[in-house]
PDB file of all heavy atoms in Angstrom:
ATOM      1  N   ARG A   1     104.957 102.791 118.884  1.00  0.00           N
ATOM      2  CA  ARG A   1     105.282 103.301 120.229  1.00  0.00           C
ATOM      3  C   ARG A   1     104.188 104.204 120.763  1.00  0.00           C
ATOM      4  O   ARG A   1     103.794 104.085 121.914  1.00  0.00           O
ATOM      5  CB  ARG A   1     106.602 104.060 120.217  1.00  0.00           C
ATOM      6  CG  ARG A   1     107.788 103.179 120.260  1.00  0.00           C
ATOM      7  CD  ARG A   1     109.037 103.987 120.522  1.00  0.00           C
ATOM      8  NE  ARG A   1     110.169 103.095 120.473  1.00  0.00           N
ATOM      9  CZ  ARG A   1     111.355 103.430 120.068  1.00  0.00           C
ATOM     10  NH1 ARG A   1     111.594 104.668 119.686  1.00  0.00           N
ATOM     11  NH2 ARG A   1     112.331 102.548 120.047  1.00  0.00           N
ATOM     12  N   ARG A   2     103.714 105.110 119.924  1.00  0.00           N
ATOM     13  CA  ARG A   2     102.639 106.004 120.364  1.00  0.00           C
ATOM     14  C   ARG A   2     101.367 105.207 120.626  1.00  0.00           C
ATOM     15  O   ARG A   2     100.640 105.481 121.578  1.00  0.00           O
ATOM     16  CB  ARG A   2     102.402 107.099 119.335  1.00  0.00           C
ATOM     17  CG  ARG A   2     103.477 108.153 119.328  1.00  0.00           C
ATOM     18  CD  ARG A   2     103.120 109.288 118.358  1.00  0.00           C
ATOM     19  NE  ARG A   2     104.179 110.256 118.289  1.00  0.00           N
ATOM     20  CZ  ARG A   2     105.192 110.227 117.418  1.00  0.00           C
ATOM     21  NH1 ARG A   2     105.250 109.265 116.523  1.00  0.00           N
ATOM     22  NH2 ARG A   2     106.118 111.159 117.411  1.00  0.00           N
ATOM     23  N   LEU A   3     101.087 104.230 119.753  1.00  0.00           N
ATOM     24  CA  LEU A   3      99.905 103.396 119.959  1.00  0.00           C
ATOM     25  C   LEU A   3     100.006 102.642 121.278  1.00  0.00           C
ATOM     26  O   LEU A   3      99.055 102.618 122.055  1.00  0.00           O
ATOM     27  CB  LEU A   3      99.725 102.408 118.806  1.00  0.00           C
ATOM     28  CG  LEU A   3      98.614 101.367 118.993  1.00  0.00           C
ATOM     29  CD1 LEU A   3      97.257 102.022 119.202  1.00  0.00           C
ATOM     30  CD2 LEU A   3      98.584 100.412 117.822  1.00  0.00           C
ATOM     31  N   LEU A   4     101.147 102.038 121.547  1.00  0.00           N
ATOM     32  CA  LEU A   4     101.322 101.277 122.784  1.00  0.00           C
ATOM     33  C   LEU A   4     101.182 102.176 124.012  1.00  0.00           C
ATOM     34  O   LEU A   4     100.525 101.813 124.986  1.00  0.00           O
ATOM     35  CB  LEU A   4     102.675 100.567 122.794  1.00  0.00           C
ATOM     36  CG  LEU A   4     102.940  99.643 123.973  1.00  0.00           C
ATOM     37  CD1 LEU A   4     101.855  98.584 124.115  1.00  0.00           C
ATOM     38  CD2 LEU A   4     104.308  98.984 123.824  1.00  0.00           C
ATOM     39  N   LYS A   5     101.754 103.356 123.957  1.00  0.00           N
ATOM     40  CA  LYS A   5     101.634 104.303 125.076  1.00  0.00           C
ATOM     41  C   LYS A   5     100.166 104.698 125.285  1.00  0.00           C
ATOM     42  O   LYS A   5      99.669 104.725 126.410  1.00  0.00           O
ATOM     43  CB  LYS A   5     102.487 105.539 124.811  1.00  0.00           C
ATOM     44  CG  LYS A   5     102.481 106.527 125.944  1.00  0.00           C
ATOM     45  CD  LYS A   5     103.393 107.703 125.654  1.00  0.00           C
ATOM     46  CE  LYS A   5     103.345 108.691 126.797  1.00  0.00           C
ATOM     47  NZ  LYS A   5     104.188 109.865 126.546  1.00  0.00           N
ATOM     48  N   ALA A   6      99.472 104.989 124.192  1.00  0.00           N
ATOM     49  CA  ALA A   6      98.053 105.353 124.279  1.00  0.00           C
ATOM     50  C   ALA A   6      97.230 104.194 124.820  1.00  0.00           C
ATOM     51  O   ALA A   6      96.350 104.376 125.661  1.00  0.00           O
ATOM     52  CB  ALA A   6      97.531 105.781 122.910  1.00  0.00           C
ATOM     53  N   PHE A   7      97.521 102.982 124.336  1.00  0.00           N
ATOM     54  CA  PHE A   7      96.787 101.792 124.786  1.00  0.00           C
ATOM     55  C   PHE A   7      96.999 101.564 126.287  1.00  0.00           C
ATOM     56  O   PHE A   7      96.046 101.338 127.018  1.00  0.00           O
ATOM     57  CB  PHE A   7      97.242 100.572 123.985  1.00  0.00           C
ATOM     58  CG  PHE A   7      96.593  99.288 124.416  1.00  0.00           C
ATOM     59  CD1 PHE A   7      95.267  99.037 124.120  1.00  0.00           C
ATOM     60  CD2 PHE A   7      97.311  98.341 125.128  1.00  0.00           C
ATOM     61  CE1 PHE A   7      94.655  97.854 124.524  1.00  0.00           C
ATOM     62  CE2 PHE A   7      96.717  97.159 125.528  1.00  0.00           C
ATOM     63  CZ  PHE A   7      95.385  96.917 125.219  1.00  0.00           C
ATOM     64  N   ARG A   8      98.238 101.633 126.730  1.00  0.00           N
ATOM     65  CA  ARG A   8      98.525 101.415 128.155  1.00  0.00           C
ATOM     66  C   ARG A   8      97.812 102.439 129.038  1.00  0.00           C
ATOM     67  O   ARG A   8      97.311 102.097 130.096  1.00  0.00           O
ATOM     68  CB  ARG A   8     100.026 101.460 128.406  1.00  0.00           C
ATOM     69  CG  ARG A   8     100.726 100.219 127.924  1.00  0.00           C
ATOM     70  CD  ARG A   8     102.207 100.284 128.170  1.00  0.00           C
ATOM     71  NE  ARG A   8     102.848  99.034 127.812  1.00  0.00           N
ATOM     72  CZ  ARG A   8     104.117  98.913 127.512  1.00  0.00           C
ATOM     73  NH1 ARG A   8     104.918  99.974 127.535  1.00  0.00           N
ATOM     74  NH2 ARG A   8     104.620  97.739 127.197  1.00  0.00           N
ATOM     75  N   GLY A   9      97.770 103.677 128.603  1.00  0.00           N
ATOM     76  CA  GLY A   9      97.065 104.703 129.373  1.00  0.00           C
ATOM     77  C   GLY A   9      95.565 104.492 129.351  1.00  0.00           C
ATOM     78  O   GLY A   9      94.894 104.614 130.378  1.00  0.00           O
ATOM     79  N   ALA A  10      95.030 104.151 128.201  1.00  0.00           N
ATOM     80  CA  ALA A  10      93.586 103.996 128.047  1.00  0.00           C
ATOM     81  C   ALA A  10      93.061 102.760 128.744  1.00  0.00           C
ATOM     82  O   ALA A  10      91.957 102.774 129.291  1.00  0.00           O
ATOM     83  CB  ALA A  10      93.226 103.954 126.567  1.00  0.00           C
ATOM     84  N   VAL A  11      93.831 101.676 128.745  1.00  0.00           N
ATOM     85  CA  VAL A  11      93.345 100.420 129.307  1.00  0.00           C
ATOM     86  C   VAL A  11      93.121 100.552 130.822  1.00  0.00           C
ATOM     87  O   VAL A  11      92.297  99.841 131.394  1.00  0.00           O
ATOM     88  CB  VAL A  11      94.287  99.250 128.945  1.00  0.00           C
ATOM     89  CG1 VAL A  11      95.517  99.207 129.831  1.00  0.00           C
ATOM     90  CG2 VAL A  11      93.548  97.924 128.980  1.00  0.00           C
ATOM     91  N   ARG A  12      93.793 101.473 131.444  1.00  0.00           N
ATOM     92  CA  ARG A  12      93.601 101.710 132.892  1.00  0.00           C
ATOM     93  C   ARG A  12      92.202 102.238 133.205  1.00  0.00           C
ATOM     94  O   ARG A  12      91.750 102.159 134.337  1.00  0.00           O
ATOM     95  CB  ARG A  12      94.650 102.688 133.403  1.00  0.00           C
ATOM     96  CG  ARG A  12      96.042 102.116 133.389  1.00  0.00           C
ATOM     97  CD  ARG A  12      97.056 103.076 133.988  1.00  0.00           C
ATOM     98  NE  ARG A  12      98.377 102.551 133.805  1.00  0.00           N
ATOM     99  CZ  ARG A  12      99.316 103.122 133.065  1.00  0.00           C
ATOM    100  NH1 ARG A  12      99.083 104.271 132.466  1.00  0.00           N
ATOM    101  NH2 ARG A  12     100.497 102.566 132.934  1.00  0.00           N
ATOM    102  N   LYS A  13      91.540 102.775 132.203  1.00  0.00           N
ATOM    103  CA  LYS A  13      90.195 103.318 132.397  1.00  0.00           C
ATOM    104  C   LYS A  13      89.143 102.219 132.471  1.00  0.00           C
ATOM    105  O   LYS A  13      88.014 102.468 132.840  1.00  0.00           O
ATOM    106  CB  LYS A  13      89.864 104.318 131.299  1.00  0.00           C
ATOM    107  CG  LYS A  13      90.771 105.524 131.365  1.00  0.00           C
ATOM    108  CD  LYS A  13      90.463 106.520 130.301  1.00  0.00           C
ATOM    109  CE  LYS A  13      91.409 107.701 130.447  1.00  0.00           C
ATOM    110  NZ  LYS A  13      91.155 108.725 129.459  1.00  0.00           N
ATOM    111  N   GLY A  14      89.524 101.006 132.073  1.00  0.00           N
ATOM    112  CA  GLY A  14      88.659  99.850 132.292  1.00  0.00           C
ATOM    113  C   GLY A  14      87.819  99.378 131.140  1.00  0.00           C
ATOM    114  O   GLY A  14      87.869  98.222 130.799  1.00  0.00           O
ATOM    115  N   ARG A  15      87.072 100.224 130.525  1.00  0.00           N
ATOM    116  CA  ARG A  15      86.124  99.782 129.510  1.00  0.00           C
ATOM    117  C   ARG A  15      86.731  99.812 128.114  1.00  0.00           C
ATOM    118  O   ARG A  15      87.524 100.681 127.785  1.00  0.00           O
ATOM    119  CB  ARG A  15      84.894 100.662 129.537  1.00  0.00           C
ATOM    120  CG  ARG A  15      84.136 100.558 130.854  1.00  0.00           C
ATOM    121  CD  ARG A  15      82.921 101.405 130.818  1.00  0.00           C
ATOM    122  NE  ARG A  15      82.211 101.089 129.572  1.00  0.00           N
ATOM    123  CZ  ARG A  15      80.925 101.177 129.407  1.00  0.00           C
ATOM    124  NH1 ARG A  15      80.167 101.566 130.388  1.00  0.00           N
ATOM    125  NH2 ARG A  15      80.372 100.880 128.254  1.00  0.00           N
ATOM    126  N   ALA A  16      86.323  98.876 127.274  1.00  0.00           N
ATOM    127  CA  ALA A  16      86.804  98.821 125.899  1.00  0.00           C
ATOM    128  C   ALA A  16      86.445 100.110 125.153  1.00  0.00           C
ATOM    129  O   ALA A  16      87.226 100.617 124.354  1.00  0.00           O
ATOM    130  CB  ALA A  16      86.228  97.606 125.177  1.00  0.00           C
ATOM    131  N   ARG A  17      85.275 100.652 125.421  1.00  0.00           N
ATOM    132  CA  ARG A  17      84.845 101.894 124.769  1.00  0.00           C
ATOM    133  C   ARG A  17      85.807 103.034 125.094  1.00  0.00           C
ATOM    134  O   ARG A  17      86.137 103.853 124.234  1.00  0.00           O
ATOM    135  CB  ARG A  17      83.430 102.252 125.219  1.00  0.00           C
ATOM    136  CG  ARG A  17      82.908 103.533 124.626  1.00  0.00           C
ATOM    137  CD  ARG A  17      82.400 103.269 123.244  1.00  0.00           C
ATOM    138  NE  ARG A  17      83.048 104.165 122.316  1.00  0.00           N
ATOM    139  CZ  ARG A  17      82.853 104.143 121.016  1.00  0.00           C
ATOM    140  NH1 ARG A  17      82.070 103.248 120.470  1.00  0.00           N
ATOM    141  NH2 ARG A  17      83.447 104.982 120.230  1.00  0.00           N
ATOM    142  N   ALA A  18      86.283 103.101 126.340  1.00  0.00           N
ATOM    143  CA  ALA A  18      87.238 104.133 126.744  1.00  0.00           C
ATOM    144  C   ALA A  18      88.564 103.971 126.007  1.00  0.00           C
ATOM    145  O   ALA A  18      89.206 104.953 125.639  1.00  0.00           O
ATOM    146  CB  ALA A  18      87.449 104.094 128.256  1.00  0.00           C
ATOM    147  N   VAL A  19      88.971 102.726 125.777  1.00  0.00           N
ATOM    148  CA  VAL A  19      90.204 102.453 125.041  1.00  0.00           C
ATOM    149  C   VAL A  19      90.068 102.976 123.605  1.00  0.00           C
ATOM    150  O   VAL A  19      90.943 103.679 123.096  1.00  0.00           O
ATOM    151  CB  VAL A  19      90.547 100.946 125.065  1.00  0.00           C
ATOM    152  CG1 VAL A  19      91.703 100.635 124.134  1.00  0.00           C
ATOM    153  CG2 VAL A  19      90.854 100.489 126.484  1.00  0.00           C
ATOM    154  N   VAL A  20      88.963 102.646 122.961  1.00  0.00           N
ATOM    155  CA  VAL A  20      88.726 103.104 121.587  1.00  0.00           C
ATOM    156  C   VAL A  20      88.682 104.628 121.526  1.00  0.00           C
ATOM    157  O   VAL A  20      89.335 105.241 120.671  1.00  0.00           O
ATOM    158  CB  VAL A  20      87.419 102.486 121.035  1.00  0.00           C
ATOM    159  CG1 VAL A  20      86.998 103.159 119.732  1.00  0.00           C
ATOM    160  CG2 VAL A  20      87.589 100.988 120.839  1.00  0.00           C
ATOM    161  N   ASP A  21      87.938 105.244 122.420  1.00  0.00           N
ATOM    162  CA  ASP A  21      87.814 106.704 122.407  1.00  0.00           C
ATOM    163  C   ASP A  21      89.161 107.386 122.617  1.00  0.00           C
ATOM    164  O   ASP A  21      89.504 108.348 121.917  1.00  0.00           O
ATOM    165  CB  ASP A  21      86.823 107.172 123.470  1.00  0.00           C
ATOM    166  CG  ASP A  21      85.385 106.800 123.148  1.00  0.00           C
ATOM    167  OD1 ASP A  21      85.094 106.465 121.977  1.00  0.00           O
ATOM    168  OD2 ASP A  21      84.554 106.837 124.074  1.00  0.00           O
ATOM    169  N   GLU A  22      89.933 106.902 123.573  1.00  0.00           N
ATOM    170  CA  GLU A  22      91.233 107.506 123.889  1.00  0.00           C
ATOM    171  C   GLU A  22      92.203 107.380 122.713  1.00  0.00           C
ATOM    172  O   GLU A  22      92.864 108.343 122.333  1.00  0.00           O
ATOM    173  CB  GLU A  22      91.821 106.824 125.121  1.00  0.00           C
ATOM    174  CG  GLU A  22      93.161 107.364 125.545  1.00  0.00           C
ATOM    175  CD  GLU A  22      93.058 108.541 126.490  1.00  0.00           C
ATOM    176  OE1 GLU A  22      91.938 108.898 126.890  1.00  0.00           O
ATOM    177  OE2 GLU A  22      94.107 109.099 126.809  1.00  0.00           O
ATOM    178  N   ILE A  23      92.293 106.194 122.138  1.00  0.00           N
ATOM    179  CA  ILE A  23      93.196 105.990 121.005  1.00  0.00           C
ATOM    180  C   ILE A  23      92.759 106.835 119.810  1.00  0.00           C
ATOM    181  O   ILE A  23      93.581 107.466 119.150  1.00  0.00           O
ATOM    182  CB  ILE A  23      93.304 104.496 120.651  1.00  0.00           C
ATOM    183  CG1 ILE A  23      94.069 103.769 121.764  1.00  0.00           C
ATOM    184  CG2 ILE A  23      93.963 104.291 119.294  1.00  0.00           C
ATOM    185  CD1 ILE A  23      94.088 102.268 121.639  1.00  0.00           C
ATOM    186  N   GLN A  24      91.473 106.882 119.556  1.00  0.00           N
ATOM    187  CA  GLN A  24      90.973 107.694 118.449  1.00  0.00           C
ATOM    188  C   GLN A  24      91.321 109.160 118.654  1.00  0.00           C
ATOM    189  O   GLN A  24      91.829 109.825 117.750  1.00  0.00           O
ATOM    190  CB  GLN A  24      89.466 107.532 118.304  1.00  0.00           C
ATOM    191  CG  GLN A  24      88.884 108.384 117.193  1.00  0.00           C
ATOM    192  CD  GLN A  24      87.400 108.158 117.025  1.00  0.00           C
ATOM    193  OE1 GLN A  24      86.960 107.017 116.959  1.00  0.00           O
ATOM    194  NE2 GLN A  24      86.649 109.221 116.960  1.00  0.00           N
ATOM    195  N   ASP A  25      91.065 109.680 119.848  1.00  0.00           N
ATOM    196  CA  ASP A  25      91.351 111.092 120.126  1.00  0.00           C
ATOM    197  C   ASP A  25      92.835 111.406 119.958  1.00  0.00           C
ATOM    198  O   ASP A  25      93.200 112.408 119.334  1.00  0.00           O
ATOM    199  CB  ASP A  25      90.908 111.462 121.544  1.00  0.00           C
ATOM    200  CG  ASP A  25      89.391 111.480 121.707  1.00  0.00           C
ATOM    201  OD1 ASP A  25      88.660 111.427 120.689  1.00  0.00           O
ATOM    202  OD2 ASP A  25      88.932 111.536 122.863  1.00  0.00           O
ATOM    203  N   LEU A  26      93.701 110.558 120.494  1.00  0.00           N
ATOM    204  CA  LEU A  26      95.141 110.803 120.418  1.00  0.00           C
ATOM    205  C   LEU A  26      95.678 110.667 118.993  1.00  0.00           C
ATOM    206  O   LEU A  26      96.482 111.487 118.541  1.00  0.00           O
ATOM    207  CB  LEU A  26      95.886 109.865 121.362  1.00  0.00           C
ATOM    208  CG  LEU A  26      95.657 110.134 122.851  1.00  0.00           C
ATOM    209  CD1 LEU A  26      96.237 109.002 123.692  1.00  0.00           C
ATOM    210  CD2 LEU A  26      96.244 111.472 123.256  1.00  0.00           C
ATOM    211  N   ALA A  27      95.227 109.638 118.276  1.00  0.00           N
ATOM    212  CA  ALA A  27      95.700 109.436 116.908  1.00  0.00           C
ATOM    213  C   ALA A  27      95.268 110.587 116.002  1.00  0.00           C
ATOM    214  O   ALA A  27      96.087 111.151 115.267  1.00  0.00           O
ATOM    215  CB  ALA A  27      95.194 108.108 116.353  1.00  0.00           C
ATOM    216  N   PHE A  28      94.013 110.972 116.066  1.00  0.00           N
ATOM    217  CA  PHE A  28      93.537 112.023 115.175  1.00  0.00           C
ATOM    218  C   PHE A  28      94.096 113.389 115.559  1.00  0.00           C
ATOM    219  O   PHE A  28      94.305 114.242 114.698  1.00  0.00           O
ATOM    220  CB  PHE A  28      92.013 112.006 115.082  1.00  0.00           C
ATOM    221  CG  PHE A  28      91.525 110.935 114.142  1.00  0.00           C
ATOM    222  CD1 PHE A  28      91.401 109.622 114.564  1.00  0.00           C
ATOM    223  CD2 PHE A  28      91.241 111.226 112.820  1.00  0.00           C
ATOM    224  CE1 PHE A  28      90.996 108.619 113.700  1.00  0.00           C
ATOM    225  CE2 PHE A  28      90.823 110.235 111.934  1.00  0.00           C
ATOM    226  CZ  PHE A  28      90.699 108.932 112.378  1.00  0.00           C
ATOM    227  N   ALA A  29      94.387 113.606 116.836  1.00  0.00           N
ATOM    228  CA  ALA A  29      95.074 114.838 117.241  1.00  0.00           C
ATOM    229  C   ALA A  29      96.483 114.851 116.645  1.00  0.00           C
ATOM    230  O   ALA A  29      96.970 115.885 116.186  1.00  0.00           O
ATOM    231  CB  ALA A  29      95.127 114.948 118.760  1.00  0.00           C
ATOM    232  N   PHE A  30      97.148 113.702 116.638  1.00  0.00           N
ATOM    233  CA  PHE A  30      98.485 113.597 116.062  1.00  0.00           C
ATOM    234  C   PHE A  30      98.453 113.864 114.561  1.00  0.00           C
ATOM    235  O   PHE A  30      99.312 114.559 114.023  1.00  0.00           O
ATOM    236  CB  PHE A  30      99.076 112.207 116.334  1.00  0.00           C
ATOM    237  CG  PHE A  30     100.443 112.023 115.745  1.00  0.00           C
ATOM    238  CD1 PHE A  30     101.568 112.469 116.415  1.00  0.00           C
ATOM    239  CD2 PHE A  30     100.603 111.403 114.516  1.00  0.00           C
ATOM    240  CE1 PHE A  30     102.831 112.303 115.863  1.00  0.00           C
ATOM    241  CE2 PHE A  30     101.867 111.229 113.959  1.00  0.00           C
ATOM    242  CZ  PHE A  30     102.978 111.688 114.643  1.00  0.00           C
ATOM    243  N   TYR A  31      97.457 113.315 113.850  1.00  0.00           N
ATOM    244  CA  TYR A  31      97.346 113.533 112.403  1.00  0.00           C
ATOM    245  C   TYR A  31      97.112 115.016 112.105  1.00  0.00           C
ATOM    246  O   TYR A  31      97.414 115.485 111.018  1.00  0.00           O
ATOM    247  CB  TYR A  31      96.212 112.713 111.785  1.00  0.00           C
ATOM    248  CG  TYR A  31      96.260 111.220 112.027  1.00  0.00           C
ATOM    249  CD1 TYR A  31      95.080 110.490 112.096  1.00  0.00           C
ATOM    250  CD2 TYR A  31      97.448 110.525 112.198  1.00  0.00           C
ATOM    251  CE1 TYR A  31      95.090 109.119 112.314  1.00  0.00           C
ATOM    252  CE2 TYR A  31      97.468 109.159 112.415  1.00  0.00           C
ATOM    253  CZ  TYR A  31      96.284 108.462 112.476  1.00  0.00           C
ATOM    254  OH  TYR A  31      96.282 107.104 112.698  1.00  0.00           O
ATOM    255  N   ASP A  32      96.566 115.746 113.066  1.00  0.00           N
ATOM    256  CA  ASP A  32      96.422 117.203 113.018  1.00  0.00           C
ATOM    257  C   ASP A  32      95.693 117.692 111.772  1.00  0.00           C
ATOM    258  O   ASP A  32      96.131 118.620 111.092  1.00  0.00           O
ATOM    259  CB  ASP A  32      97.801 117.856 113.127  1.00  0.00           C
ATOM    260  CG  ASP A  32      97.722 119.355 113.381  1.00  0.00           C
ATOM    261  OD1 ASP A  32      96.725 119.815 113.969  1.00  0.00           O
ATOM    262  OD2 ASP A  32      98.662 120.066 112.977  1.00  0.00           O
ATOM    263  N   GLY A  33      94.597 117.030 111.444  1.00  0.00           N
ATOM    264  CA  GLY A  33      93.773 117.469 110.331  1.00  0.00           C
ATOM    265  C   GLY A  33      94.306 117.105 108.954  1.00  0.00           C
ATOM    266  O   GLY A  33      93.701 117.456 107.946  1.00  0.00           O
ATOM    267  N   ARG A  34      95.423 116.409 108.900  1.00  0.00           N
ATOM    268  CA  ARG A  34      95.984 115.991 107.611  1.00  0.00           C
ATOM    269  C   ARG A  34      95.073 114.941 106.990  1.00  0.00           C
ATOM    270  O   ARG A  34      94.494 114.112 107.684  1.00  0.00           O
ATOM    271  CB  ARG A  34      97.378 115.415 107.816  1.00  0.00           C
ATOM    272  CG  ARG A  34      98.046 115.059 106.518  1.00  0.00           C
ATOM    273  CD  ARG A  34      99.548 115.058 106.651  1.00  0.00           C
ATOM    274  NE  ARG A  34     100.138 114.965 105.326  1.00  0.00           N
ATOM    275  CZ  ARG A  34     100.943 113.998 104.944  1.00  0.00           C
ATOM    276  NH1 ARG A  34     101.294 113.059 105.794  1.00  0.00           N
ATOM    277  NH2 ARG A  34     101.434 113.975 103.734  1.00  0.00           N
TER     278      ARG A  34
END
């Protein structure tokens, strides 16, 4: 669910690189240094 929400938000930015960056930032923020 979180991945899908992140993907839907990121894909609006247009570029594949933006999708990767957005998902990476959100996922690693969620992991919170674990």
